[in-house]
């Protein structure tokens, strides 16, 4: 019973986080067509958004300057990172090792070599063993599903034979998420406080095995401290310093982590039914590791070459502005984070 519930929760989380209407293995199949340099540019919008989401929605105000005020809240939240038109396509230089069928396409369209001849086979064998400097152009993971990524062969003289420029279309690499405007990510968070001006927060999801995806797990924690608790005269508003960290794993494909620290300020107006505007200036970092296999066809059969790389998030400094609406034991907060990648967050908290 509990296992079925957790499994359903896992599917819901992953569906919202990645909007994968196809199975994760379909994304792995897409990436299997790409070298690390091509894949890193292809997935850059999603890894940047992933990090921005992990670093969002942690706070909805600063803790009070109180030595002891019992407070426990369960917060169900969601963050969403926006994509612009420039996120939907890319053009970049990189390296690429062509497959057997792709080399046949290049030789038959950009050289005078005849298939089956000794020279053709020699040139092809050398090309199959070479990592070429190429130009990638086409859709990113959030681009149009009808657009296809192209890899431009620069032209080379191989074995004394001239092989001209030629663009190979990677029909298996298109806009996987088909121009989604925003990447959402839900979270469940437990907030505890306030002791000597300090609140702590936890995000956790136990490791669950999900078919076609592998193991999924999530963990995060945060702490905020209001130094006003040590001052003789109270400050006109609540002010805190905070640090937050979160990690998440999805099978063997994604491993992500994010952290941030900064200053949070807030001011409550009213009691029982109240509104609390808040703002935060934070400095954040994030990284997402991707691991997959690049598939090559050889006379001995398919060869899987492991590809591993890490993408850094775009955000460094961020400014968050929002408000919390408190109605007795229920709180609703909404905020917007201005940074290199902009994010909106909403949260609904229950507690006392």
C-alpha atoms as a PDB file:
ATOM      1  CA  UNK A   1       0.000   0.000   0.000  1.00  0.00           C
ATOM      2  CA  UNK A   2       2.687   2.440   1.075  1.00  0.00           C
ATOM      3  CA  UNK A   3       4.905   1.327  -1.834  1.00  0.00           C
ATOM      4  CA  UNK A   4       2.130   1.986  -4.359  1.00  0.00           C
ATOM      5  CA  UNK A   5       1.487   5.423  -2.873  1.00  0.00           C
ATOM      6  CA  UNK A   6       5.161   6.378  -2.975  1.00  0.00           C
ATOM      7  CA  UNK A   7       5.471   5.103  -6.519  1.00  0.00           C
ATOM      8  CA  UNK A   8       2.523   7.232  -7.656  1.00  0.00           C
ATOM      9  CA  UNK A   9       4.020  10.248  -5.906  1.00  0.00           C
ATOM     10  CA  UNK A  10       7.315   9.589  -7.691  1.00  0.00           C
ATOM     11  CA  UNK A  11       5.655   9.436 -11.093  1.00  0.00           C
ATOM     12  CA  UNK A  12       3.756  12.658 -10.379  1.00  0.00           C
ATOM     13  CA  UNK A  13       6.936  14.431  -9.308  1.00  0.00           C
ATOM     14  CA  UNK A  14       8.886  13.329 -12.347  1.00  0.00           C
ATOM     15  CA  UNK A  15       6.074  14.094 -14.757  1.00  0.00           C
ATOM     16  CA  UNK A  16       5.871  17.662 -13.511  1.00  0.00           C
ATOM     17  CA  UNK A  17       9.625  18.125 -13.180  1.00  0.00           C
ATOM     18  CA  UNK A  18      10.565  17.063 -16.681  1.00  0.00           C
ATOM     19  CA  UNK A  19       7.296  16.981 -18.615  1.00  0.00           C
ATOM     20  CA  UNK A  20       8.442  13.779 -20.259  1.00  0.00           C
ATOM     21  CA  UNK A  21       5.399  12.520 -22.095  1.00  0.00           C
ATOM     22  CA  UNK A  22       7.738   9.817 -23.401  1.00  0.00           C
ATOM     23  CA  UNK A  23       9.745   7.421 -21.267  1.00  0.00           C
ATOM     24  CA  UNK A  24      13.138   8.474 -19.942  1.00  0.00           C
ATOM     25  CA  UNK A  25      14.759   5.835 -22.110  1.00  0.00           C
ATOM     26  CA  UNK A  26      13.547   7.873 -25.125  1.00  0.00           C
ATOM     27  CA  UNK A  27      15.678  10.772 -23.934  1.00  0.00           C
ATOM     28  CA  UNK A  28      18.595   8.394 -23.490  1.00  0.00           C
ATOM     29  CA  UNK A  29      18.053   7.245 -27.071  1.00  0.00           C
ATOM     30  CA  UNK A  30      18.111  10.876 -28.191  1.00  0.00           C
ATOM     31  CA  UNK A  31      21.333  11.576 -26.311  1.00  0.00           C
ATOM     32  CA  UNK A  32      22.908   8.373 -27.644  1.00  0.00           C
ATOM     33  CA  UNK A  33      23.169  10.141 -31.022  1.00  0.00           C
ATOM     34  CA  UNK A  34      25.319  12.936 -29.578  1.00  0.00           C
ATOM     35  CA  UNK A  35      28.875  13.491 -28.417  1.00  0.00           C
ATOM     36  CA  UNK A  36      29.398  15.182 -25.059  1.00  0.00           C
ATOM     37  CA  UNK A  37      29.982  18.613 -26.641  1.00  0.00           C
ATOM     38  CA  UNK A  38      26.780  18.372 -28.670  1.00  0.00           C
ATOM     39  CA  UNK A  39      24.752  16.962 -25.793  1.00  0.00           C
ATOM     40  CA  UNK A  40      25.884  19.633 -23.326  1.00  0.00           C
ATOM     41  CA  UNK A  41      24.643  22.399 -25.637  1.00  0.00           C
ATOM     42  CA  UNK A  42      21.466  20.460 -26.459  1.00  0.00           C
ATOM     43  CA  UNK A  43      20.408  20.025 -22.810  1.00  0.00           C
ATOM     44  CA  UNK A  44      21.767  23.378 -21.529  1.00  0.00           C
ATOM     45  CA  UNK A  45      18.325  25.063 -21.181  1.00  0.00           C
ATOM     46  CA  UNK A  46      16.924  22.227 -19.089  1.00  0.00           C
ATOM     47  CA  UNK A  47      19.949  21.841 -16.826  1.00  0.00           C
ATOM     48  CA  UNK A  48      20.008  25.596 -16.222  1.00  0.00           C
ATOM     49  CA  UNK A  49      16.297  25.586 -15.420  1.00  0.00           C
ATOM     50  CA  UNK A  50      16.690  22.514 -13.244  1.00  0.00           C
ATOM     51  CA  UNK A  51      19.269  24.251 -11.059  1.00  0.00           C
ATOM     52  CA  UNK A  52      17.198  27.433 -10.841  1.00  0.00           C
ATOM     53  CA  UNK A  53      14.173  25.441  -9.687  1.00  0.00           C
ATOM     54  CA  UNK A  54      16.131  23.554  -7.032  1.00  0.00           C
ATOM     55  CA  UNK A  55      17.298  26.890  -5.632  1.00  0.00           C
ATOM     56  CA  UNK A  56      13.768  28.355  -5.489  1.00  0.00           C
ATOM     57  CA  UNK A  57      10.804  28.280  -3.122  1.00  0.00           C
ATOM     58  CA  UNK A  58      12.814  27.698   0.034  1.00  0.00           C
ATOM     59  CA  UNK A  59      11.679  30.721   2.056  1.00  0.00           C
ATOM     60  CA  UNK A  60       8.509  32.771   2.448  1.00  0.00           C
ATOM     61  CA  UNK A  61       9.853  35.222   5.000  1.00  0.00           C
ATOM     62  CA  UNK A  62      12.566  35.523   7.628  1.00  0.00           C
ATOM     63  CA  UNK A  63      12.204  33.885  11.058  1.00  0.00           C
ATOM     64  CA  UNK A  64      11.193  36.146  13.919  1.00  0.00           C
ATOM     65  CA  UNK A  65      13.749  37.544  16.359  1.00  0.00           C
ATOM     66  CA  UNK A  66      12.428  35.184  18.996  1.00  0.00           C
ATOM     67  CA  UNK A  67      14.335  32.946  21.416  1.00  0.00           C
ATOM     68  CA  UNK A  68      11.571  30.338  21.392  1.00  0.00           C
ATOM     69  CA  UNK A  69       8.374  30.374  19.338  1.00  0.00           C
ATOM     70  CA  UNK A  70       7.132  26.838  18.472  1.00  0.00           C
ATOM     71  CA  UNK A  71       6.494  26.615  14.754  1.00  0.00           C
ATOM     72  CA  UNK A  72       5.977  23.583  12.515  1.00  0.00           C
ATOM     73  CA  UNK A  73       4.766  23.794   8.915  1.00  0.00           C
ATOM     74  CA  UNK A  74       4.334  21.421   6.013  1.00  0.00           C
ATOM     75  CA  UNK A  75       4.767  23.289   2.761  1.00  0.00           C
ATOM     76  CA  UNK A  76       3.676  21.994  -0.633  1.00  0.00           C
ATOM     77  CA  UNK A  77       5.226  24.164  -3.304  1.00  0.00           C
ATOM     78  CA  UNK A  78       6.075  24.451  -6.966  1.00  0.00           C
ATOM     79  CA  UNK A  79       8.646  26.453  -8.865  1.00  0.00           C
ATOM     80  CA  UNK A  80       8.753  27.150 -12.583  1.00  0.00           C
ATOM     81  CA  UNK A  81      11.577  28.442 -14.751  1.00  0.00           C
ATOM     82  CA  UNK A  82      10.745  30.276 -17.957  1.00  0.00           C
ATOM     83  CA  UNK A  83      12.222  29.605 -21.411  1.00  0.00           C
ATOM     84  CA  UNK A  84      12.763  32.301 -24.021  1.00  0.00           C
ATOM     85  CA  UNK A  85      12.979  31.884 -27.792  1.00  0.00           C
ATOM     86  CA  UNK A  86      16.769  31.921 -27.625  1.00  0.00           C
ATOM     87  CA  UNK A  87      16.629  28.769 -25.467  1.00  0.00           C
ATOM     88  CA  UNK A  88      14.937  26.814 -28.251  1.00  0.00           C
ATOM     89  CA  UNK A  89      17.850  26.545 -30.684  1.00  0.00           C
ATOM     90  CA  UNK A  90      21.632  26.649 -30.633  1.00  0.00           C
ATOM     91  CA  UNK A  91      24.681  26.804 -32.853  1.00  0.00           C
ATOM     92  CA  UNK A  92      28.058  25.828 -31.461  1.00  0.00           C
ATOM     93  CA  UNK A  93      31.379  24.256 -32.353  1.00  0.00           C
ATOM     94  CA  UNK A  94      32.341  20.900 -30.919  1.00  0.00           C
ATOM     95  CA  UNK A  95      33.701  17.482 -31.728  1.00  0.00           C
ATOM     96  CA  UNK A  96      31.841  14.521 -33.188  1.00  0.00           C
ATOM     97  CA  UNK A  97      32.602  10.972 -34.217  1.00  0.00           C
ATOM     98  CA  UNK A  98      30.421   9.905 -37.119  1.00  0.00           C
ATOM     99  CA  UNK A  99      28.714   6.534 -37.365  1.00  0.00           C
ATOM    100  CA  UNK A 100      29.185   4.127 -40.258  1.00  0.00           C
ATOM    101  CA  UNK A 101      25.960   5.111 -42.021  1.00  0.00           C
ATOM    102  CA  UNK A 102      26.694   8.822 -41.576  1.00  0.00           C
ATOM    103  CA  UNK A 103      30.147   8.424 -43.125  1.00  0.00           C
ATOM    104  CA  UNK A 104      28.610   6.600 -46.095  1.00  0.00           C
ATOM    105  CA  UNK A 105      26.275   9.568 -46.523  1.00  0.00           C
ATOM    106  CA  UNK A 106      29.171  12.043 -46.449  1.00  0.00           C
ATOM    107  CA  UNK A 107      31.361  10.071 -48.867  1.00  0.00           C
ATOM    108  CA  UNK A 108      28.567   9.463 -51.331  1.00  0.00           C
ATOM    109  CA  UNK A 109      27.532  13.134 -51.384  1.00  0.00           C
ATOM    110  CA  UNK A 110      30.804  15.015 -50.835  1.00  0.00           C
ATOM    111  CA  UNK A 111      33.484  12.918 -52.551  1.00  0.00           C
ATOM    112  CA  UNK A 112      34.177  11.150 -55.830  1.00  0.00           C
ATOM    113  CA  UNK A 113      34.889   7.823 -54.138  1.00  0.00           C
ATOM    114  CA  UNK A 114      32.904   4.802 -55.235  1.00  0.00           C
ATOM    115  CA  UNK A 115      31.410   2.509 -52.561  1.00  0.00           C
ATOM    116  CA  UNK A 116      33.060  -0.891 -52.343  1.00  0.00           C
ATOM    117  CA  UNK A 117      36.453   0.206 -53.698  1.00  0.00           C
ATOM    118  CA  UNK A 118      39.622  -0.255 -51.656  1.00  0.00           C
ATOM    119  CA  UNK A 119      40.208   3.501 -51.352  1.00  0.00           C
ATOM    120  CA  UNK A 120      36.618   4.081 -50.254  1.00  0.00           C
ATOM    121  CA  UNK A 121      37.014   1.478 -47.501  1.00  0.00           C
ATOM    122  CA  UNK A 122      40.347   2.946 -46.373  1.00  0.00           C
ATOM    123  CA  UNK A 123      38.965   6.480 -46.165  1.00  0.00           C
ATOM    124  CA  UNK A 124      35.869   5.254 -44.353  1.00  0.00           C
ATOM    125  CA  UNK A 125      37.930   3.278 -41.831  1.00  0.00           C
ATOM    126  CA  UNK A 126      40.031   6.336 -41.009  1.00  0.00           C
ATOM    127  CA  UNK A 127      36.949   8.538 -40.692  1.00  0.00           C
ATOM    128  CA  UNK A 128      35.275   6.073 -38.342  1.00  0.00           C
ATOM    129  CA  UNK A 129      38.303   6.269 -36.035  1.00  0.00           C
ATOM    130  CA  UNK A 130      38.464  10.095 -36.072  1.00  0.00           C
ATOM    131  CA  UNK A 131      36.821  12.667 -33.812  1.00  0.00           C
ATOM    132  CA  UNK A 132      36.161  15.626 -36.132  1.00  0.00           C
ATOM    133  CA  UNK A 133      35.791  19.305 -35.260  1.00  0.00           C
ATOM    134  CA  UNK A 134      32.263  20.151 -36.403  1.00  0.00           C
ATOM    135  CA  UNK A 135      29.516  22.748 -36.160  1.00  0.00           C
ATOM    136  CA  UNK A 136      26.226  21.847 -34.444  1.00  0.00           C
ATOM    137  CA  UNK A 137      23.039  23.746 -35.277  1.00  0.00           C
ATOM    138  CA  UNK A 138      19.390  23.075 -34.579  1.00  0.00           C
ATOM    139  CA  UNK A 139      16.879  22.685 -31.750  1.00  0.00           C
ATOM    140  CA  UNK A 140      17.728  22.294 -28.090  1.00  0.00           C
ATOM    141  CA  UNK A 141      15.814  19.912 -25.853  1.00  0.00           C
ATOM    142  CA  UNK A 142      13.084  22.580 -25.492  1.00  0.00           C
ATOM    143  CA  UNK A 143      12.979  23.372 -29.220  1.00  0.00           C
ATOM    144  CA  UNK A 144      10.426  22.465 -31.865  1.00  0.00           C
ATOM    145  CA  UNK A 145       9.854  18.716 -32.190  1.00  0.00           C
ATOM    146  CA  UNK A 146       9.735  19.093 -35.996  1.00  0.00           C
ATOM    147  CA  UNK A 147      13.226  20.624 -36.184  1.00  0.00           C
ATOM    148  CA  UNK A 148      16.231  18.329 -36.497  1.00  0.00           C
ATOM    149  CA  UNK A 149      19.796  18.877 -35.323  1.00  0.00           C
ATOM    150  CA  UNK A 150      22.460  19.130 -38.031  1.00  0.00           C
ATOM    151  CA  UNK A 151      26.175  18.320 -37.738  1.00  0.00           C
ATOM    152  CA  UNK A 152      28.301  20.019 -40.410  1.00  0.00           C
ATOM    153  CA  UNK A 153      31.333  18.086 -41.597  1.00  0.00           C
ATOM    154  CA  UNK A 154      34.038  20.725 -42.285  1.00  0.00           C
ATOM    155  CA  UNK A 155      35.692  19.053 -45.249  1.00  0.00           C
ATOM    156  CA  UNK A 156      38.983  17.168 -45.056  1.00  0.00           C
ATOM    157  CA  UNK A 157      41.671  15.579 -47.208  1.00  0.00           C
ATOM    158  CA  UNK A 158      41.864  11.946 -46.087  1.00  0.00           C
ATOM    159  CA  UNK A 159      44.246   9.357 -47.556  1.00  0.00           C
ATOM    160  CA  UNK A 160      44.965  11.923 -50.284  1.00  0.00           C
ATOM    161  CA  UNK A 161      41.253  12.100 -51.140  1.00  0.00           C
ATOM    162  CA  UNK A 162      39.242  15.312 -50.880  1.00  0.00           C
ATOM    163  CA  UNK A 163      36.021  14.974 -48.888  1.00  0.00           C
ATOM    164  CA  UNK A 164      33.986  18.189 -49.046  1.00  0.00           C
ATOM    165  CA  UNK A 165      31.710  19.918 -46.566  1.00  0.00           C
ATOM    166  CA  UNK A 166      28.447  18.155 -45.794  1.00  0.00           C
ATOM    167  CA  UNK A 167      25.712  18.549 -43.179  1.00  0.00           C
ATOM    168  CA  UNK A 168      24.334  15.378 -41.670  1.00  0.00           C
ATOM    169  CA  UNK A 169      20.859  15.545 -40.137  1.00  0.00           C
ATOM    170  CA  UNK A 170      20.494  13.648 -36.865  1.00  0.00           C
ATOM    171  CA  UNK A 171      16.906  12.504 -37.329  1.00  0.00           C
ATOM    172  CA  UNK A 172      16.852  11.099 -33.792  1.00  0.00           C
ATOM    173  CA  UNK A 173      17.608  14.511 -32.235  1.00  0.00           C
ATOM    174  CA  UNK A 174      14.792  17.051 -32.283  1.00  0.00           C
ATOM    175  CA  UNK A 175      13.018  19.309 -29.784  1.00  0.00           C
ATOM    176  CA  UNK A 176      12.264  16.658 -27.153  1.00  0.00           C
ATOM    177  CA  UNK A 177      10.022  18.900 -25.011  1.00  0.00           C
ATOM    178  CA  UNK A 178       8.499  20.698 -28.016  1.00  0.00           C
ATOM    179  CA  UNK A 179       8.688  24.398 -27.053  1.00  0.00           C
ATOM    180  CA  UNK A 180       7.373  24.183 -23.499  1.00  0.00           C
ATOM    181  CA  UNK A 181       7.256  27.751 -22.085  1.00  0.00           C
ATOM    182  CA  UNK A 182       8.117  26.814 -18.496  1.00  0.00           C
ATOM    183  CA  UNK A 183       9.690  23.920 -16.599  1.00  0.00           C
ATOM    184  CA  UNK A 184       7.805  23.267 -13.339  1.00  0.00           C
ATOM    185  CA  UNK A 185       9.103  21.393 -10.331  1.00  0.00           C
ATOM    186  CA  UNK A 186       7.065  20.572  -7.203  1.00  0.00           C
ATOM    187  CA  UNK A 187       8.495  20.151  -3.711  1.00  0.00           C
ATOM    188  CA  UNK A 188       7.421  19.046  -0.242  1.00  0.00           C
ATOM    189  CA  UNK A 189       9.113  20.833   2.633  1.00  0.00           C
ATOM    190  CA  UNK A 190       9.002  20.668   6.427  1.00  0.00           C
ATOM    191  CA  UNK A 191       9.783  23.915   8.280  1.00  0.00           C
ATOM    192  CA  UNK A 192      10.675  23.910  11.986  1.00  0.00           C
ATOM    193  CA  UNK A 193      11.433  26.786  14.393  1.00  0.00           C
ATOM    194  CA  UNK A 194      11.891  29.199  15.925  1.00  0.00           C
ATOM    195  CA  UNK A 195      14.744  28.671  18.400  1.00  0.00           C
ATOM    196  CA  UNK A 196      17.075  31.596  19.121  1.00  0.00           C
ATOM    197  CA  UNK A 197      15.982  33.244  15.893  1.00  0.00           C
ATOM    198  CA  UNK A 198      16.665  30.117  13.844  1.00  0.00           C
ATOM    199  CA  UNK A 199      14.427  28.108  11.507  1.00  0.00           C
ATOM    200  CA  UNK A 200      15.385  24.903   9.683  1.00  0.00           C
ATOM    201  CA  UNK A 201      13.819  23.309   6.612  1.00  0.00           C
ATOM    202  CA  UNK A 202      13.984  19.817   5.113  1.00  0.00           C
ATOM    203  CA  UNK A 203      13.087  18.373   1.726  1.00  0.00           C
ATOM    204  CA  UNK A 204      13.162  14.597   1.410  1.00  0.00           C
ATOM    205  CA  UNK A 205      11.920  11.790  -0.776  1.00  0.00           C
ATOM    206  CA  UNK A 206      13.072   8.187  -0.111  1.00  0.00           C
ATOM    207  CA  UNK A 207      14.811   6.162  -2.787  1.00  0.00           C
ATOM    208  CA  UNK A 208      12.210   4.493  -4.987  1.00  0.00           C
ATOM    209  CA  UNK A 209      12.768   2.116  -7.895  1.00  0.00           C
ATOM    210  CA  UNK A 210      10.689   3.184 -10.888  1.00  0.00           C
ATOM    211  CA  UNK A 211      10.500   1.018 -13.986  1.00  0.00           C
ATOM    212  CA  UNK A 212      12.191   2.495 -17.088  1.00  0.00           C
ATOM    213  CA  UNK A 213      13.676   5.276 -14.968  1.00  0.00           C
ATOM    214  CA  UNK A 214      15.709   3.553 -12.286  1.00  0.00           C
ATOM    215  CA  UNK A 215      16.121   4.857  -8.755  1.00  0.00           C
ATOM    216  CA  UNK A 216      14.740   8.259  -7.850  1.00  0.00           C
ATOM    217  CA  UNK A 217      15.616  10.114  -4.653  1.00  0.00           C
ATOM    218  CA  UNK A 218      15.692  13.672  -3.319  1.00  0.00           C
ATOM    219  CA  UNK A 219      17.129  15.368  -0.248  1.00  0.00           C
ATOM    220  CA  UNK A 220      17.552  18.972   0.845  1.00  0.00           C
ATOM    221  CA  UNK A 221      17.982  21.119   3.906  1.00  0.00           C
ATOM    222  CA  UNK A 222      18.155  24.791   4.797  1.00  0.00           C
ATOM    223  CA  UNK A 223      18.747  27.053   7.759  1.00  0.00           C
ATOM    224  CA  UNK A 224      17.908  30.701   8.447  1.00  0.00           C
ATOM    225  CA  UNK A 225      19.039  32.780  11.406  1.00  0.00           C
ATOM    226  CA  UNK A 226      17.765  36.185  12.502  1.00  0.00           C
ATOM    227  CA  UNK A 227      20.638  37.992  14.298  1.00  0.00           C
ATOM    228  CA  UNK A 228      18.112  40.467  15.695  1.00  0.00           C
ATOM    229  CA  UNK A 229      17.461  37.979  18.502  1.00  0.00           C
ATOM    230  CA  UNK A 230      20.760  39.078  20.067  1.00  0.00           C
ATOM    231  CA  UNK A 231      20.088  42.802  19.819  1.00  0.00           C
ATOM    232  CA  UNK A 232      18.801  44.836  22.732  1.00  0.00           C
ATOM    233  CA  UNK A 233      16.527  46.965  20.545  1.00  0.00           C
ATOM    234  CA  UNK A 234      14.350  45.232  17.933  1.00  0.00           C
ATOM    235  CA  UNK A 235      14.873  45.913  14.238  1.00  0.00           C
ATOM    236  CA  UNK A 236      11.989  47.458  12.227  1.00  0.00           C
ATOM    237  CA  UNK A 237      11.749  44.255  10.160  1.00  0.00           C
ATOM    238  CA  UNK A 238      12.811  40.611  10.336  1.00  0.00           C
ATOM    239  CA  UNK A 239      16.216  40.058   8.782  1.00  0.00           C
ATOM    240  CA  UNK A 240      17.984  36.716   8.350  1.00  0.00           C
ATOM    241  CA  UNK A 241      20.953  35.045   6.746  1.00  0.00           C
ATOM    242  CA  UNK A 242      20.284  31.666   5.195  1.00  0.00           C
ATOM    243  CA  UNK A 243      21.837  28.675   3.464  1.00  0.00           C
ATOM    244  CA  UNK A 244      20.013  25.995   1.424  1.00  0.00           C
ATOM    245  CA  UNK A 245      21.124  22.801  -0.326  1.00  0.00           C
ATOM    246  CA  UNK A 246      19.313  20.172  -2.400  1.00  0.00           C
ATOM    247  CA  UNK A 247      20.287  17.075  -4.383  1.00  0.00           C
ATOM    248  CA  UNK A 248      18.245  14.884  -6.692  1.00  0.00           C
ATOM    249  CA  UNK A 249      18.918  11.712  -8.678  1.00  0.00           C
ATOM    250  CA  UNK A 250      16.909  10.178 -11.517  1.00  0.00           C
ATOM    251  CA  UNK A 251      18.181   6.728 -12.432  1.00  0.00           C
ATOM    252  CA  UNK A 252      21.625   6.787 -14.009  1.00  0.00           C
ATOM    253  CA  UNK A 253      20.744   9.681 -16.319  1.00  0.00           C
ATOM    254  CA  UNK A 254      20.533  12.767 -14.071  1.00  0.00           C
ATOM    255  CA  UNK A 255      22.317  13.687 -10.845  1.00  0.00           C
ATOM    256  CA  UNK A 256      21.726  17.285  -9.788  1.00  0.00           C
ATOM    257  CA  UNK A 257      22.725  19.439  -6.834  1.00  0.00           C
ATOM    258  CA  UNK A 258      22.137  23.086  -5.952  1.00  0.00           C
ATOM    259  CA  UNK A 259      23.034  25.431  -3.128  1.00  0.00           C
ATOM    260  CA  UNK A 260      22.524  29.071  -2.230  1.00  0.00           C
ATOM    261  CA  UNK A 261      23.168  31.516   0.577  1.00  0.00           C
ATOM    262  CA  UNK A 262      22.028  35.065   1.147  1.00  0.00           C
ATOM    263  CA  UNK A 263      20.008  37.614   3.073  1.00  0.00           C
ATOM    264  CA  UNK A 264      16.219  37.472   3.560  1.00  0.00           C
ATOM    265  CA  UNK A 265      14.084  40.338   4.838  1.00  0.00           C
ATOM    266  CA  UNK A 266      10.363  40.437   5.676  1.00  0.00           C
ATOM    267  CA  UNK A 267       7.741  42.415   7.561  1.00  0.00           C
ATOM    268  CA  UNK A 268       4.413  41.066   8.818  1.00  0.00           C
ATOM    269  CA  UNK A 269       1.324  43.267   8.766  1.00  0.00           C
ATOM    270  CA  UNK A 270      -1.665  42.103  10.809  1.00  0.00           C
ATOM    271  CA  UNK A 271      -2.269  39.137  13.130  1.00  0.00           C
ATOM    272  CA  UNK A 272      -4.363  36.002  12.613  1.00  0.00           C
ATOM    273  CA  UNK A 273      -5.076  37.202   9.104  1.00  0.00           C
ATOM    274  CA  UNK A 274      -1.936  38.920   7.836  1.00  0.00           C
ATOM    275  CA  UNK A 275       0.276  39.649   4.850  1.00  0.00           C
ATOM    276  CA  UNK A 276       4.068  39.458   4.907  1.00  0.00           C
ATOM    277  CA  UNK A 277       6.036  40.982   2.025  1.00  0.00           C
ATOM    278  CA  UNK A 278       9.515  39.463   1.741  1.00  0.00           C
ATOM    279  CA  UNK A 279      12.647  39.840  -0.339  1.00  0.00           C
ATOM    280  CA  UNK A 280      15.890  37.919  -0.692  1.00  0.00           C
ATOM    281  CA  UNK A 281      19.298  38.597  -2.184  1.00  0.00           C
ATOM    282  CA  UNK A 282      20.997  35.254  -2.753  1.00  0.00           C
ATOM    283  CA  UNK A 283      24.084  33.829  -4.398  1.00  0.00           C
ATOM    284  CA  UNK A 284      23.587  30.396  -5.863  1.00  0.00           C
ATOM    285  CA  UNK A 285      25.238  27.599  -7.791  1.00  0.00           C
ATOM    286  CA  UNK A 286      24.033  24.357  -9.311  1.00  0.00           C
ATOM    287  CA  UNK A 287      25.284  21.502 -11.437  1.00  0.00           C
ATOM    288  CA  UNK A 288      23.717  18.602 -13.282  1.00  0.00           C
ATOM    289  CA  UNK A 289      25.656  15.488 -14.245  1.00  0.00           C
ATOM    290  CA  UNK A 290      24.453  13.469 -17.226  1.00  0.00           C
ATOM    291  CA  UNK A 291      25.525   9.917 -17.994  1.00  0.00           C
ATOM    292  CA  UNK A 292      24.518   7.907 -21.055  1.00  0.00           C
ATOM    293  CA  UNK A 293      25.949   5.630 -23.745  1.00  0.00           C
ATOM    294  CA  UNK A 294      26.880   6.735 -27.259  1.00  0.00           C
ATOM    295  CA  UNK A 295      26.087   3.876 -29.636  1.00  0.00           C
ATOM    296  CA  UNK A 296      28.367   3.019 -32.577  1.00  0.00           C
ATOM    297  CA  UNK A 297      27.905   0.264 -35.135  1.00  0.00           C
ATOM    298  CA  UNK A 298      30.965  -1.824 -35.957  1.00  0.00           C
ATOM    299  CA  UNK A 299      31.524  -5.066 -37.897  1.00  0.00           C
ATOM    300  CA  UNK A 300      31.433  -6.811 -34.515  1.00  0.00           C
ATOM    301  CA  UNK A 301      28.088  -5.233 -33.616  1.00  0.00           C
ATOM    302  CA  UNK A 302      26.929  -2.229 -31.629  1.00  0.00           C
ATOM    303  CA  UNK A 303      29.450  -0.639 -29.270  1.00  0.00           C
ATOM    304  CA  UNK A 304      28.294   1.441 -26.284  1.00  0.00           C
ATOM    305  CA  UNK A 305      30.753   4.200 -25.357  1.00  0.00           C
ATOM    306  CA  UNK A 306      30.059   5.789 -21.937  1.00  0.00           C
ATOM    307  CA  UNK A 307      29.578   9.570 -22.040  1.00  0.00           C
ATOM    308  CA  UNK A 308      29.690  11.614 -18.837  1.00  0.00           C
ATOM    309  CA  UNK A 309      29.670  15.376 -18.444  1.00  0.00           C
ATOM    310  CA  UNK A 310      28.587  18.041 -15.992  1.00  0.00           C
ATOM    311  CA  UNK A 311      26.662  21.247 -16.776  1.00  0.00           C
ATOM    312  CA  UNK A 312      26.794  24.267 -14.503  1.00  0.00           C
ATOM    313  CA  UNK A 313      23.694  26.382 -13.835  1.00  0.00           C
ATOM    314  CA  UNK A 314      23.530  29.912 -15.213  1.00  0.00           C
ATOM    315  CA  UNK A 315      22.436  31.709 -12.055  1.00  0.00           C
ATOM    316  CA  UNK A 316      24.965  33.302  -9.710  1.00  0.00           C
ATOM    317  CA  UNK A 317      23.223  36.239  -8.036  1.00  0.00           C
ATOM    318  CA  UNK A 318      19.440  36.447  -7.697  1.00  0.00           C
ATOM    319  CA  UNK A 319      16.867  38.819  -6.226  1.00  0.00           C
ATOM    320  CA  UNK A 320      13.557  37.396  -4.972  1.00  0.00           C
ATOM    321  CA  UNK A 321      10.452  39.461  -4.234  1.00  0.00           C
ATOM    322  CA  UNK A 322       7.210  37.984  -2.890  1.00  0.00           C
ATOM    323  CA  UNK A 323       4.443  37.976  -0.304  1.00  0.00           C
ATOM    324  CA  UNK A 324       2.896  35.500   2.132  1.00  0.00           C
ATOM    325  CA  UNK A 325      -0.810  35.608   2.980  1.00  0.00           C
ATOM    326  CA  UNK A 326      -1.512  34.065   6.397  1.00  0.00           C
ATOM    327  CA  UNK A 327      -5.025  32.910   7.344  1.00  0.00           C
ATOM    328  CA  UNK A 328      -4.712  31.295  10.766  1.00  0.00           C
ATOM    329  CA  UNK A 329      -3.129  27.827  10.162  1.00  0.00           C
ATOM    330  CA  UNK A 330      -2.804  28.218   6.370  1.00  0.00           C
ATOM    331  CA  UNK A 331      -0.305  30.293   4.416  1.00  0.00           C
ATOM    332  CA  UNK A 332      -0.109  31.043   0.720  1.00  0.00           C
ATOM    333  CA  UNK A 333       3.047  32.575  -0.706  1.00  0.00           C
ATOM    334  CA  UNK A 334       3.980  33.726  -4.206  1.00  0.00           C
ATOM    335  CA  UNK A 335       7.337  35.104  -5.337  1.00  0.00           C
ATOM    336  CA  UNK A 336       9.370  35.898  -8.425  1.00  0.00           C
ATOM    337  CA  UNK A 337      13.145  35.506  -8.694  1.00  0.00           C
ATOM    338  CA  UNK A 338      15.090  37.788 -10.995  1.00  0.00           C
ATOM    339  CA  UNK A 339      18.340  36.227 -12.232  1.00  0.00           C
ATOM    340  CA  UNK A 340      19.990  35.006 -15.418  1.00  0.00           C
ATOM    341  CA  UNK A 341      17.203  32.413 -15.421  1.00  0.00           C
ATOM    342  CA  UNK A 342      13.949  33.820 -13.991  1.00  0.00           C
ATOM    343  CA  UNK A 343      11.754  31.666 -11.756  1.00  0.00           C
ATOM    344  CA  UNK A 344       8.308  31.930 -10.205  1.00  0.00           C
ATOM    345  CA  UNK A 345       7.394  30.012  -7.026  1.00  0.00           C
ATOM    346  CA  UNK A 346       4.164  29.343  -5.147  1.00  0.00           C
ATOM    347  CA  UNK A 347       3.647  27.513  -1.879  1.00  0.00           C
ATOM    348  CA  UNK A 348       0.825  26.416   0.386  1.00  0.00           C
ATOM    349  CA  UNK A 349       1.762  25.808   4.037  1.00  0.00           C
ATOM    350  CA  UNK A 350      -0.180  24.232   6.889  1.00  0.00           C
ATOM    351  CA  UNK A 351       0.839  24.293  10.527  1.00  0.00           C
ATOM    352  CA  UNK A 352       1.016  26.371  13.640  1.00  0.00           C
END
